[in-house]
Amino acid sequence: MRQRFLKSGRSALADYELLELLLSYAIPRKDTKPIAKNLISAFGDFASVFDQPVKKLKEISGIGPSTASFLQAVKSTLIRYLERQAEEAETISSPEDVVAYVRLAIGANQRECLMLLCLNAANRLVHHEVLPEGTVDQAPVYPREILKTALLHNATALILVHNHPSGRAVPSQQDHTMTQKITALASEFNITLHDHLIVCPTQTYSIKTQRLL
């Protein structure tokens, strides 16, 4: 399988085989095919395996703490890769420029949380952070903290991102109200709210353009 991968790349492997190959590095000298198939069967698809918390991963036979940590490290590596692309981008000119990164970073979180992207006058990313997590279905929104962070990093524009643990990127009235409130407050400091994105593992909705991206 490794030879097939080295010769032909990702296209030569089915999803369970790619996961099997990854697991072979975490669980050497063991047939990892059954484990790979069980993971995909339990969680629905290849990508969803990496969205699971350690507790759920360990419920699968053959997955111990170190292997669960390995799978989370794989996802964290990919997040960092996309994060670096966003940090080094010459300009962030549209929501699509950060969709892959923000969706992977917080889209699958079990609790609703808010991510803040701060941009400078050239629309380059100068700071990003995830604000304190909320409950299962509600993120705390502290306009004062958002504006404080933006001013601290000399931001002239913001992109807000929050996830919906329900799996549906559909804005609520509260989401629209929050967007309007932050837009008005930020404008008093000559800061523009470029967009407010709602993310799930497989969907992203732009409140500014009122469409799925």
N, C-alpha and C. Protein backbone atom coordinates (compact mmCIF):
# COMPACT_ATOMS: atom_id res chain seq x y z
N MET A 1 0.83 -1.20 0.00
CA MET A 1 0.00 0.00 0.00
C MET A 1 0.87 1.26 0.00
N ARG A 2 1.94 1.23 0.78
CA ARG A 2 2.84 2.38 0.78
C ARG A 2 3.45 2.59 -0.60
N GLN A 3 3.79 1.49 -1.26
CA GLN A 3 4.36 1.59 -2.60
C GLN A 3 3.36 2.16 -3.59
N ARG A 4 2.11 1.75 -3.47
CA ARG A 4 1.06 2.30 -4.34
C ARG A 4 0.92 3.80 -4.12
N PHE A 5 0.96 4.20 -2.86
CA PHE A 5 0.83 5.61 -2.53
C PHE A 5 2.01 6.40 -3.08
N LEU A 6 3.23 5.87 -2.90
CA LEU A 6 4.42 6.57 -3.37
C LEU A 6 4.45 6.66 -4.89
N LYS A 7 3.91 5.64 -5.54
CA LYS A 7 3.95 5.60 -7.00
C LYS A 7 2.85 6.47 -7.62
N SER A 8 1.63 6.39 -7.08
CA SER A 8 0.50 7.04 -7.74
C SER A 8 -0.19 8.11 -6.90
N GLY A 9 0.20 8.25 -5.62
CA GLY A 9 -0.38 9.29 -4.80
C GLY A 9 -1.74 8.95 -4.24
N ARG A 10 -2.43 9.95 -3.76
CA ARG A 10 -3.73 9.80 -3.09
C ARG A 10 -4.76 9.08 -3.95
N SER A 11 -4.75 9.31 -5.24
CA SER A 11 -5.78 8.73 -6.11
C SER A 11 -5.72 7.21 -6.17
N ALA A 12 -4.59 6.64 -5.75
CA ALA A 12 -4.44 5.19 -5.80
C ALA A 12 -5.07 4.49 -4.61
N LEU A 13 -5.53 5.25 -3.62
CA LEU A 13 -6.05 4.66 -2.39
C LEU A 13 -7.49 5.07 -2.14
N ALA A 14 -8.28 4.11 -1.69
CA ALA A 14 -9.62 4.41 -1.20
C ALA A 14 -9.49 5.13 0.14
N ASP A 15 -10.55 5.75 0.61
CA ASP A 15 -10.49 6.49 1.87
C ASP A 15 -10.04 5.60 3.02
N TYR A 16 -10.60 4.39 3.10
CA TYR A 16 -10.23 3.52 4.22
C TYR A 16 -8.76 3.10 4.12
N GLU A 17 -8.25 3.02 2.88
CA GLU A 17 -6.84 2.64 2.71
C GLU A 17 -5.91 3.78 3.12
N LEU A 18 -6.30 5.01 2.82
CA LEU A 18 -5.49 6.15 3.24
C LEU A 18 -5.46 6.23 4.76
N LEU A 19 -6.60 6.00 5.39
CA LEU A 19 -6.65 5.99 6.85
C LEU A 19 -5.86 4.81 7.40
N GLU A 20 -5.96 3.68 6.74
CA GLU A 20 -5.18 2.50 7.13
C GLU A 20 -3.69 2.81 7.09
N LEU A 21 -3.26 3.50 6.04
CA LEU A 21 -1.84 3.86 5.91
C LEU A 21 -1.41 4.78 7.04
N LEU A 22 -2.23 5.77 7.36
CA LEU A 22 -1.90 6.67 8.47
C LEU A 22 -1.80 5.91 9.79
N LEU A 23 -2.76 5.03 10.02
CA LEU A 23 -2.78 4.28 11.28
C LEU A 23 -1.58 3.35 11.41
N SER A 24 -1.04 2.92 10.29
CA SER A 24 0.11 2.00 10.35
C SER A 24 1.33 2.65 10.98
N TYR A 25 1.38 3.99 10.94
CA TYR A 25 2.49 4.69 11.58
C TYR A 25 2.26 4.84 13.09
N ALA A 26 0.99 4.88 13.49
CA ALA A 26 0.66 4.99 14.92
C ALA A 26 0.59 3.63 15.58
N ILE A 27 0.21 2.60 14.80
CA ILE A 27 0.08 1.25 15.35
C ILE A 27 0.91 0.29 14.48
N PRO A 28 2.21 0.30 14.64
CA PRO A 28 3.06 -0.55 13.80
C PRO A 28 2.87 -2.04 14.09
N ARG A 29 3.20 -2.85 13.09
CA ARG A 29 3.17 -4.31 13.22
C ARG A 29 1.77 -4.84 13.55
N LYS A 30 0.76 -4.17 13.03
CA LYS A 30 -0.61 -4.63 13.25
C LYS A 30 -1.45 -4.32 12.02
N ASP A 31 -2.38 -5.20 11.70
CA ASP A 31 -3.28 -4.96 10.57
C ASP A 31 -4.25 -3.85 10.95
N THR A 32 -4.10 -2.69 10.31
CA THR A 32 -4.93 -1.54 10.67
C THR A 32 -6.15 -1.37 9.75
N LYS A 33 -6.30 -2.25 8.78
CA LYS A 33 -7.45 -2.13 7.87
C LYS A 33 -8.78 -2.23 8.61
N PRO A 34 -8.98 -3.24 9.49
CA PRO A 34 -10.26 -3.32 10.21
C PRO A 34 -10.53 -2.08 11.05
N ILE A 35 -9.49 -1.53 11.66
CA ILE A 35 -9.66 -0.34 12.50
C ILE A 35 -10.08 0.84 11.64
N ALA A 36 -9.43 0.99 10.48
CA ALA A 36 -9.76 2.09 9.58
C ALA A 36 -11.21 1.99 9.11
N LYS A 37 -11.62 0.79 8.74
CA LYS A 37 -13.00 0.60 8.28
C LYS A 37 -14.00 0.86 9.40
N ASN A 38 -13.66 0.43 10.61
CA ASN A 38 -14.56 0.65 11.75
C ASN A 38 -14.70 2.14 12.07
N LEU A 39 -13.61 2.87 11.95
CA LEU A 39 -13.66 4.31 12.20
C LEU A 39 -14.58 5.02 11.21
N ILE A 40 -14.42 4.71 9.94
CA ILE A 40 -15.25 5.35 8.92
C ILE A 40 -16.70 4.93 9.06
N SER A 41 -16.93 3.67 9.40
CA SER A 41 -18.30 3.19 9.60
C SER A 41 -18.96 3.88 10.79
N ALA A 42 -18.19 4.06 11.86
CA ALA A 42 -18.74 4.65 13.09
C ALA A 42 -19.06 6.13 12.94
N PHE A 43 -18.21 6.84 12.19
CA PHE A 43 -18.36 8.30 12.14
C PHE A 43 -18.85 8.83 10.79
N GLY A 44 -19.08 7.94 9.85
CA GLY A 44 -19.76 8.36 8.62
C GLY A 44 -18.91 8.54 7.39
N ASP A 45 -17.74 9.12 7.55
CA ASP A 45 -16.85 9.31 6.40
C ASP A 45 -15.44 9.60 6.88
N PHE A 46 -14.53 9.68 5.93
CA PHE A 46 -13.12 9.86 6.24
C PHE A 46 -12.88 11.14 7.05
N ALA A 47 -13.41 12.27 6.58
CA ALA A 47 -13.15 13.55 7.23
C ALA A 47 -13.68 13.58 8.66
N SER A 48 -14.84 12.97 8.88
CA SER A 48 -15.47 13.02 10.21
C SER A 48 -14.65 12.31 11.27
N VAL A 49 -13.82 11.36 10.86
CA VAL A 49 -12.96 10.66 11.81
C VAL A 49 -12.07 11.66 12.55
N PHE A 50 -11.55 12.64 11.80
CA PHE A 50 -10.61 13.60 12.38
C PHE A 50 -11.30 14.70 13.17
N ASP A 51 -12.63 14.75 13.09
CA ASP A 51 -13.38 15.75 13.85
C ASP A 51 -13.78 15.27 15.24
N GLN A 52 -13.51 14.00 15.53
CA GLN A 52 -13.97 13.42 16.79
C GLN A 52 -13.05 13.75 17.95
N PRO A 53 -13.61 13.97 19.15
CA PRO A 53 -12.78 14.14 20.34
C PRO A 53 -12.13 12.82 20.73
N VAL A 54 -11.10 12.91 21.53
CA VAL A 54 -10.36 11.71 21.95
C VAL A 54 -11.28 10.68 22.58
N LYS A 55 -12.22 11.14 23.39
CA LYS A 55 -13.12 10.22 24.09
C LYS A 55 -13.87 9.32 23.11
N LYS A 56 -14.39 9.90 22.04
CA LYS A 56 -15.14 9.11 21.07
C LYS A 56 -14.23 8.19 20.26
N LEU A 57 -13.06 8.66 19.92
CA LEU A 57 -12.12 7.83 19.16
C LEU A 57 -11.74 6.59 19.95
N LYS A 58 -11.56 6.77 21.25
CA LYS A 58 -11.15 5.64 22.09
C LYS A 58 -12.24 4.59 22.27
N GLU A 59 -13.45 4.92 21.87
CA GLU A 59 -14.53 3.94 21.95
C GLU A 59 -14.44 2.90 20.84
N ILE A 60 -13.62 3.18 19.83
CA ILE A 60 -13.43 2.24 18.73
C ILE A 60 -12.36 1.22 19.10
N SER A 61 -12.66 -0.05 18.92
CA SER A 61 -11.71 -1.11 19.25
C SER A 61 -10.40 -0.92 18.49
N GLY A 62 -9.31 -0.96 19.22
CA GLY A 62 -7.99 -0.81 18.62
C GLY A 62 -7.42 0.59 18.71
N ILE A 63 -8.26 1.54 19.15
CA ILE A 63 -7.80 2.93 19.28
C ILE A 63 -7.53 3.24 20.75
N GLY A 64 -6.27 3.45 21.07
CA GLY A 64 -5.90 3.84 22.43
C GLY A 64 -5.59 5.31 22.49
N PRO A 65 -5.15 5.80 23.65
CA PRO A 65 -4.87 7.23 23.83
C PRO A 65 -3.85 7.78 22.84
N SER A 66 -2.77 7.02 22.59
CA SER A 66 -1.72 7.53 21.70
C SER A 66 -2.21 7.62 20.26
N THR A 67 -3.00 6.63 19.82
CA THR A 67 -3.52 6.66 18.45
C THR A 67 -4.55 7.78 18.28
N ALA A 68 -5.39 7.96 19.30
CA ALA A 68 -6.37 9.05 19.25
C ALA A 68 -5.64 10.39 19.17
N SER A 69 -4.58 10.54 19.94
CA SER A 69 -3.80 11.77 19.90
C SER A 69 -3.13 11.95 18.53
N PHE A 70 -2.69 10.85 17.95
CA PHE A 70 -2.08 10.90 16.62
C PHE A 70 -3.07 11.43 15.59
N LEU A 71 -4.30 10.93 15.62
CA LEU A 71 -5.31 11.38 14.66
C LEU A 71 -5.63 12.86 14.85
N GLN A 72 -5.67 13.32 16.09
CA GLN A 72 -5.91 14.74 16.32
C GLN A 72 -4.72 15.58 15.87
N ALA A 73 -3.52 15.01 16.00
CA ALA A 73 -2.32 15.73 15.55
C ALA A 73 -2.31 15.88 14.03
N VAL A 74 -2.84 14.88 13.32
CA VAL A 74 -2.93 14.98 11.87
C VAL A 74 -3.82 16.16 11.48
N LYS A 75 -4.97 16.27 12.14
CA LYS A 75 -5.87 17.39 11.84
C LYS A 75 -5.23 18.72 12.21
N SER A 76 -4.58 18.77 13.37
CA SER A 76 -3.94 20.01 13.80
C SER A 76 -2.85 20.44 12.82
N THR A 77 -2.17 19.47 12.24
CA THR A 77 -1.13 19.76 11.25
C THR A 77 -1.75 20.42 10.01
N LEU A 78 -2.88 19.89 9.58
CA LEU A 78 -3.56 20.46 8.42
C LEU A 78 -4.10 21.85 8.72
N ILE A 79 -4.64 22.04 9.92
CA ILE A 79 -5.11 23.37 10.32
C ILE A 79 -3.97 24.37 10.28
N ARG A 80 -2.82 23.96 10.80
CA ARG A 80 -1.66 24.86 10.81
C ARG A 80 -1.20 25.18 9.39
N TYR A 81 -1.28 24.20 8.51
CA TYR A 81 -0.89 24.40 7.11
C TYR A 81 -1.78 25.46 6.46
N LEU A 82 -3.10 25.34 6.66
CA LEU A 82 -4.03 26.31 6.08
C LEU A 82 -3.94 27.66 6.78
N GLU A 83 -3.69 27.62 8.08
CA GLU A 83 -3.52 28.84 8.85
C GLU A 83 -2.34 29.64 8.32
N ARG A 84 -1.26 28.94 8.02
CA ARG A 84 -0.06 29.60 7.51
C ARG A 84 -0.33 30.24 6.15
N GLN A 85 -1.11 29.55 5.32
CA GLN A 85 -1.47 30.12 4.03
C GLN A 85 -2.23 31.43 4.20
N ALA A 86 -3.16 31.45 5.16
CA ALA A 86 -3.93 32.67 5.42
C ALA A 86 -3.03 33.79 5.94
N GLU A 87 -2.09 33.43 6.82
CA GLU A 87 -1.19 34.42 7.40
C GLU A 87 -0.27 35.03 6.35
N GLU A 88 0.11 34.24 5.37
CA GLU A 88 1.07 34.70 4.37
C GLU A 88 0.41 35.22 3.09
N ALA A 89 -0.89 35.16 3.02
CA ALA A 89 -1.59 35.64 1.82
C ALA A 89 -1.32 37.13 1.62
N GLU A 90 -1.11 37.52 0.37
CA GLU A 90 -0.87 38.93 0.06
C GLU A 90 -2.07 39.78 0.45
N THR A 91 -3.25 39.23 0.24
CA THR A 91 -4.47 39.94 0.60
C THR A 91 -5.60 38.95 0.78
N ILE A 92 -6.53 39.26 1.66
CA ILE A 92 -7.74 38.47 1.82
C ILE A 92 -8.87 39.31 1.22
N SER A 93 -9.21 38.99 0.00
CA SER A 93 -10.14 39.83 -0.75
C SER A 93 -11.58 39.34 -0.72
N SER A 94 -11.80 38.12 -0.25
CA SER A 94 -13.15 37.58 -0.19
C SER A 94 -13.22 36.50 0.87
N PRO A 95 -14.44 36.15 1.34
CA PRO A 95 -14.57 35.09 2.34
C PRO A 95 -13.98 33.75 1.88
N GLU A 96 -14.03 33.50 0.58
CA GLU A 96 -13.50 32.24 0.06
C GLU A 96 -12.02 32.05 0.37
N ASP A 97 -11.30 33.16 0.59
CA ASP A 97 -9.87 33.07 0.87
C ASP A 97 -9.55 32.41 2.21
N VAL A 98 -10.53 32.39 3.11
CA VAL A 98 -10.27 31.82 4.44
C VAL A 98 -11.23 30.69 4.79
N VAL A 99 -12.14 30.34 3.88
CA VAL A 99 -13.17 29.35 4.18
C VAL A 99 -12.58 28.02 4.62
N ALA A 100 -11.63 27.48 3.86
CA ALA A 100 -11.07 26.17 4.18
C ALA A 100 -10.44 26.16 5.57
N TYR A 101 -9.72 27.22 5.89
CA TYR A 101 -9.05 27.30 7.19
C TYR A 101 -10.03 27.39 8.35
N VAL A 102 -10.98 28.33 8.30
CA VAL A 102 -11.88 28.53 9.43
C VAL A 102 -12.84 27.35 9.61
N ARG A 103 -13.24 26.74 8.49
CA ARG A 103 -14.13 25.59 8.60
C ARG A 103 -13.43 24.44 9.31
N LEU A 104 -12.17 24.20 8.94
CA LEU A 104 -11.42 23.11 9.57
C LEU A 104 -11.07 23.46 11.01
N ALA A 105 -10.80 24.73 11.27
CA ALA A 105 -10.36 25.14 12.60
C ALA A 105 -11.46 25.01 13.65
N ILE A 106 -12.69 25.43 13.34
CA ILE A 106 -13.73 25.42 14.36
C ILE A 106 -15.05 24.79 13.91
N GLY A 107 -15.14 24.41 12.63
CA GLY A 107 -16.42 23.91 12.11
C GLY A 107 -16.99 22.72 12.84
N ALA A 108 -16.12 21.84 13.33
CA ALA A 108 -16.59 20.61 13.98
C ALA A 108 -16.59 20.69 15.50
N ASN A 109 -16.33 21.87 16.06
CA ASN A 109 -16.33 22.00 17.52
C ASN A 109 -17.68 21.57 18.10
N GLN A 110 -17.63 20.88 19.21
CA GLN A 110 -18.84 20.40 19.86
C GLN A 110 -19.63 21.53 20.52
N ARG A 111 -18.94 22.61 20.85
CA ARG A 111 -19.59 23.77 21.44
C ARG A 111 -19.44 24.98 20.50
N GLU A 112 -20.41 25.86 20.56
CA GLU A 112 -20.36 27.04 19.70
C GLU A 112 -19.28 28.00 20.20
N CYS A 113 -18.48 28.50 19.29
CA CYS A 113 -17.43 29.44 19.66
C CYS A 113 -17.27 30.49 18.56
N LEU A 114 -16.56 31.54 18.87
CA LEU A 114 -16.40 32.65 17.96
C LEU A 114 -14.92 32.85 17.64
N MET A 115 -14.61 32.93 16.35
CA MET A 115 -13.25 33.20 15.90
C MET A 115 -13.19 34.61 15.34
N LEU A 116 -12.12 35.30 15.64
CA LEU A 116 -11.95 36.67 15.19
C LEU A 116 -10.71 36.76 14.31
N LEU A 117 -10.88 37.29 13.08
CA LEU A 117 -9.77 37.54 12.17
C LEU A 117 -9.60 39.04 12.04
N CYS A 118 -8.41 39.54 12.33
CA CYS A 118 -8.11 40.96 12.25
C CYS A 118 -7.25 41.24 11.01
N LEU A 119 -7.66 42.22 10.22
CA LEU A 119 -6.94 42.56 8.99
C LEU A 119 -6.43 43.99 9.07
N ASN A 120 -5.34 44.25 8.34
CA ASN A 120 -4.83 45.62 8.28
C ASN A 120 -5.37 46.34 7.05
N ALA A 121 -4.87 47.53 6.78
CA ALA A 121 -5.40 48.33 5.67
C ALA A 121 -5.16 47.67 4.32
N ALA A 122 -4.18 46.77 4.24
CA ALA A 122 -3.90 46.07 2.99
C ALA A 122 -4.67 44.75 2.91
N ASN A 123 -5.58 44.55 3.86
CA ASN A 123 -6.37 43.31 3.95
C ASN A 123 -5.50 42.07 4.14
N ARG A 124 -4.43 42.25 4.88
CA ARG A 124 -3.60 41.11 5.28
C ARG A 124 -3.95 40.73 6.71
N LEU A 125 -3.89 39.44 6.98
CA LEU A 125 -4.22 38.94 8.32
C LEU A 125 -3.11 39.30 9.30
N VAL A 126 -3.47 40.03 10.35
CA VAL A 126 -2.46 40.44 11.34
C VAL A 126 -2.67 39.74 12.68
N HIS A 127 -3.86 39.17 12.88
CA HIS A 127 -4.11 38.47 14.14
C HIS A 127 -5.36 37.61 13.98
N HIS A 128 -5.35 36.48 14.67
CA HIS A 128 -6.55 35.64 14.70
C HIS A 128 -6.58 34.89 16.02
N GLU A 129 -7.77 34.72 16.55
CA GLU A 129 -7.90 33.97 17.79
C GLU A 129 -9.33 33.47 17.95
N VAL A 130 -9.46 32.41 18.73
CA VAL A 130 -10.78 31.89 19.07
C VAL A 130 -11.12 32.41 20.46
N LEU A 131 -12.23 33.12 20.57
CA LEU A 131 -12.65 33.66 21.85
C LEU A 131 -13.23 32.55 22.73
N PRO A 132 -13.40 32.79 24.01
CA PRO A 132 -13.87 31.73 24.93
C PRO A 132 -15.10 31.01 24.41
N GLU A 133 -15.11 29.68 24.59
CA GLU A 133 -16.22 28.87 24.10
C GLU A 133 -17.49 29.10 24.90
N GLY A 134 -18.61 28.85 24.24
CA GLY A 134 -19.90 29.01 24.89
C GLY A 134 -20.50 27.68 25.29
N THR A 135 -21.83 27.62 25.29
CA THR A 135 -22.52 26.39 25.60
C THR A 135 -22.63 25.58 24.32
N VAL A 136 -23.41 24.50 24.35
CA VAL A 136 -23.54 23.65 23.18
C VAL A 136 -24.10 24.43 21.99
N ASP A 137 -25.00 25.36 22.23
CA ASP A 137 -25.66 26.04 21.12
C ASP A 137 -25.60 27.56 21.18
N GLN A 138 -24.71 28.11 21.98
CA GLN A 138 -24.65 29.56 22.06
C GLN A 138 -23.25 30.03 22.43
N ALA A 139 -22.68 30.90 21.59
CA ALA A 139 -21.37 31.47 21.87
C ALA A 139 -21.53 32.81 22.58
N PRO A 140 -20.72 33.06 23.60
CA PRO A 140 -20.80 34.37 24.24
C PRO A 140 -20.21 35.42 23.30
N VAL A 141 -20.87 36.53 23.15
CA VAL A 141 -20.37 37.59 22.27
C VAL A 141 -20.13 38.84 23.11
N TYR A 142 -18.89 39.24 23.18
CA TYR A 142 -18.53 40.39 23.97
C TYR A 142 -17.99 41.46 23.02
N PRO A 143 -18.87 42.37 22.54
CA PRO A 143 -18.42 43.41 21.61
C PRO A 143 -17.20 44.17 22.12
N ARG A 144 -17.17 44.41 23.41
CA ARG A 144 -16.04 45.15 23.99
C ARG A 144 -14.73 44.39 23.77
N GLU A 145 -14.75 43.07 23.97
CA GLU A 145 -13.53 42.28 23.78
C GLU A 145 -13.13 42.22 22.31
N ILE A 146 -14.13 42.14 21.44
CA ILE A 146 -13.84 42.11 20.00
C ILE A 146 -13.16 43.41 19.57
N LEU A 147 -13.73 44.54 19.98
CA LEU A 147 -13.15 45.83 19.62
C LEU A 147 -11.81 46.06 20.29
N LYS A 148 -11.68 45.60 21.54
CA LYS A 148 -10.41 45.73 22.25
C LYS A 148 -9.31 44.99 21.50
N THR A 149 -9.60 43.77 21.05
CA THR A 149 -8.62 42.96 20.32
C THR A 149 -8.26 43.62 19.00
N ALA A 150 -9.28 44.12 18.29
CA ALA A 150 -9.04 44.77 17.00
C ALA A 150 -8.14 46.00 17.16
N LEU A 151 -8.43 46.82 18.17
CA LEU A 151 -7.63 48.03 18.39
C LEU A 151 -6.22 47.69 18.84
N LEU A 152 -6.08 46.67 19.65
CA LEU A 152 -4.77 46.25 20.14
C LEU A 152 -3.85 45.87 18.98
N HIS A 153 -4.44 45.29 17.92
CA HIS A 153 -3.63 44.83 16.78
C HIS A 153 -3.72 45.77 15.58
N ASN A 154 -4.20 46.98 15.85
CA ASN A 154 -4.28 48.01 14.81
C ASN A 154 -5.04 47.55 13.58
N ALA A 155 -6.09 46.79 13.80
CA ALA A 155 -6.88 46.27 12.68
C ALA A 155 -7.76 47.38 12.10
N THR A 156 -7.93 47.34 10.79
CA THR A 156 -8.85 48.26 10.14
C THR A 156 -10.07 47.51 9.59
N ALA A 157 -10.03 46.17 9.69
CA ALA A 157 -11.15 45.36 9.23
C ALA A 157 -11.20 44.07 10.03
N LEU A 158 -12.38 43.48 10.10
CA LEU A 158 -12.59 42.24 10.85
C LEU A 158 -13.39 41.25 10.03
N ILE A 159 -13.17 39.98 10.32
CA ILE A 159 -14.05 38.92 9.85
C ILE A 159 -14.41 38.10 11.08
N LEU A 160 -15.71 37.98 11.36
CA LEU A 160 -16.17 37.15 12.46
C LEU A 160 -16.53 35.78 11.91
N VAL A 161 -16.26 34.74 12.68
CA VAL A 161 -16.61 33.38 12.28
C VAL A 161 -17.14 32.66 13.52
N HIS A 162 -18.29 32.02 13.39
CA HIS A 162 -18.72 31.16 14.49
C HIS A 162 -19.33 29.88 13.91
N ASN A 163 -19.27 28.84 14.70
CA ASN A 163 -19.73 27.53 14.25
C ASN A 163 -21.12 27.21 14.78
N HIS A 164 -21.80 26.34 14.08
CA HIS A 164 -23.09 25.81 14.52
C HIS A 164 -22.93 24.31 14.76
N PRO A 165 -22.87 23.87 16.02
CA PRO A 165 -22.72 22.45 16.31
C PRO A 165 -23.84 21.59 15.74
N SER A 166 -24.96 22.21 15.39
CA SER A 166 -26.08 21.46 14.82
C SER A 166 -25.75 20.86 13.46
N GLY A 167 -24.70 21.41 12.81
CA GLY A 167 -24.32 20.91 11.49
C GLY A 167 -25.00 21.64 10.34
N ARG A 168 -25.81 22.67 10.66
CA ARG A 168 -26.50 23.44 9.62
C ARG A 168 -26.05 24.90 9.68
N ALA A 169 -25.45 25.36 8.59
CA ALA A 169 -24.96 26.74 8.54
C ALA A 169 -26.09 27.68 8.13
N VAL A 170 -27.08 27.79 8.98
CA VAL A 170 -28.23 28.65 8.71
C VAL A 170 -28.25 29.76 9.77
N PRO A 171 -28.18 31.02 9.36
CA PRO A 171 -28.13 32.11 10.35
C PRO A 171 -29.45 32.29 11.09
N SER A 172 -29.36 32.56 12.35
CA SER A 172 -30.54 32.86 13.16
C SER A 172 -30.76 34.37 13.20
N GLN A 173 -31.86 34.79 13.74
CA GLN A 173 -32.10 36.23 13.90
C GLN A 173 -31.05 36.82 14.83
N GLN A 174 -30.66 36.04 15.82
CA GLN A 174 -29.62 36.50 16.75
C GLN A 174 -28.30 36.74 16.02
N ASP A 175 -27.98 35.87 15.04
CA ASP A 175 -26.76 36.04 14.26
C ASP A 175 -26.80 37.35 13.47
N HIS A 176 -27.95 37.63 12.87
CA HIS A 176 -28.10 38.87 12.10
C HIS A 176 -28.00 40.09 13.02
N THR A 177 -28.63 40.00 14.19
CA THR A 177 -28.60 41.11 15.14
C THR A 177 -27.18 41.38 15.62
N MET A 178 -26.45 40.29 15.91
CA MET A 178 -25.07 40.44 16.36
C MET A 178 -24.22 41.09 15.27
N THR A 179 -24.43 40.68 14.02
CA THR A 179 -23.68 41.24 12.90
C THR A 179 -23.91 42.74 12.79
N GLN A 180 -25.16 43.14 12.89
CA GLN A 180 -25.51 44.56 12.80
C GLN A 180 -24.90 45.35 13.95
N LYS A 181 -24.92 44.76 15.13
CA LYS A 181 -24.40 45.44 16.32
C LYS A 181 -22.89 45.65 16.21
N ILE A 182 -22.16 44.59 15.83
CA ILE A 182 -20.71 44.69 15.71
C ILE A 182 -20.33 45.64 14.58
N THR A 183 -21.09 45.60 13.49
CA THR A 183 -20.82 46.50 12.36
C THR A 183 -20.91 47.95 12.80
N ALA A 184 -21.96 48.28 13.55
CA ALA A 184 -22.16 49.65 14.01
C ALA A 184 -21.09 50.08 14.99
N LEU A 185 -20.77 49.22 15.94
CA LEU A 185 -19.76 49.56 16.95
C LEU A 185 -18.38 49.72 16.31
N ALA A 186 -18.03 48.81 15.41
CA ALA A 186 -16.72 48.87 14.78
C ALA A 186 -16.57 50.13 13.93
N SER A 187 -17.63 50.53 13.27
CA SER A 187 -17.55 51.70 12.40
C SER A 187 -17.22 52.97 13.18
N GLU A 188 -17.57 53.00 14.46
CA GLU A 188 -17.24 54.16 15.29
C GLU A 188 -15.73 54.32 15.48
N PHE A 189 -15.00 53.23 15.26
CA PHE A 189 -13.54 53.25 15.37
C PHE A 189 -12.88 53.12 14.00
N ASN A 190 -13.66 53.38 12.95
CA ASN A 190 -13.18 53.28 11.56
C ASN A 190 -12.68 51.87 11.24
N ILE A 191 -13.36 50.90 11.79
CA ILE A 191 -13.06 49.49 11.51
C ILE A 191 -14.24 48.90 10.76
N THR A 192 -13.94 48.19 9.69
CA THR A 192 -14.99 47.61 8.85
C THR A 192 -15.17 46.13 9.16
N LEU A 193 -16.41 45.71 9.32
CA LEU A 193 -16.69 44.28 9.45
C LEU A 193 -16.92 43.74 8.04
N HIS A 194 -15.93 43.03 7.51
CA HIS A 194 -16.03 42.52 6.14
C HIS A 194 -17.12 41.46 6.00
N ASP A 195 -17.21 40.58 6.99
CA ASP A 195 -18.19 39.50 6.89
C ASP A 195 -18.34 38.80 8.22
N HIS A 196 -19.40 38.07 8.33
CA HIS A 196 -19.66 37.19 9.47
C HIS A 196 -19.99 35.82 8.88
N LEU A 197 -19.11 34.86 9.10
CA LEU A 197 -19.27 33.53 8.52
C LEU A 197 -19.78 32.55 9.56
N ILE A 198 -20.70 31.70 9.14
CA ILE A 198 -21.19 30.60 9.98
C ILE A 198 -20.65 29.32 9.37
N VAL A 199 -19.95 28.52 10.17
CA VAL A 199 -19.29 27.33 9.63
C VAL A 199 -19.76 26.05 10.31
N CYS A 200 -19.78 25.00 9.52
CA CYS A 200 -20.00 23.62 9.97
C CYS A 200 -18.94 22.79 9.25
N PRO A 201 -18.81 21.51 9.58
CA PRO A 201 -17.77 20.71 8.91
C PRO A 201 -17.86 20.72 7.39
N THR A 202 -19.08 20.82 6.83
CA THR A 202 -19.22 20.74 5.38
C THR A 202 -19.88 21.97 4.75
N GLN A 203 -20.17 23.01 5.55
CA GLN A 203 -20.85 24.18 5.02
C GLN A 203 -20.28 25.47 5.60
N THR A 204 -20.35 26.52 4.81
CA THR A 204 -20.03 27.86 5.30
C THR A 204 -21.03 28.83 4.71
N TYR A 205 -21.62 29.65 5.56
CA TYR A 205 -22.59 30.64 5.11
C TYR A 205 -22.05 32.03 5.37
N SER A 206 -22.13 32.89 4.35
CA SER A 206 -21.72 34.28 4.46
C SER A 206 -22.93 35.16 4.71
N ILE A 207 -22.97 35.82 5.86
CA ILE A 207 -24.08 36.70 6.15
C ILE A 207 -24.04 37.93 5.24
N LYS A 208 -22.84 38.37 4.88
CA LYS A 208 -22.73 39.54 4.01
C LYS A 208 -23.33 39.28 2.63
N THR A 209 -22.98 38.13 2.03
CA THR A 209 -23.47 37.84 0.68
C THR A 209 -24.77 37.03 0.70
N GLN A 210 -25.16 36.59 1.89
CA GLN A 210 -26.40 35.82 2.07
C GLN A 210 -26.43 34.56 1.20
N ARG A 211 -25.34 33.81 1.25
CA ARG A 211 -25.29 32.58 0.46
C ARG A 211 -24.29 31.60 1.07
N LEU A 212 -24.46 30.34 0.70
CA LEU A 212 -23.49 29.32 1.08
C LEU A 212 -22.27 29.45 0.18
N LEU A 213 -21.10 29.31 0.76
CA LEU A 213 -19.86 29.42 -0.01
C LEU A 213 -19.37 28.04 -0.42
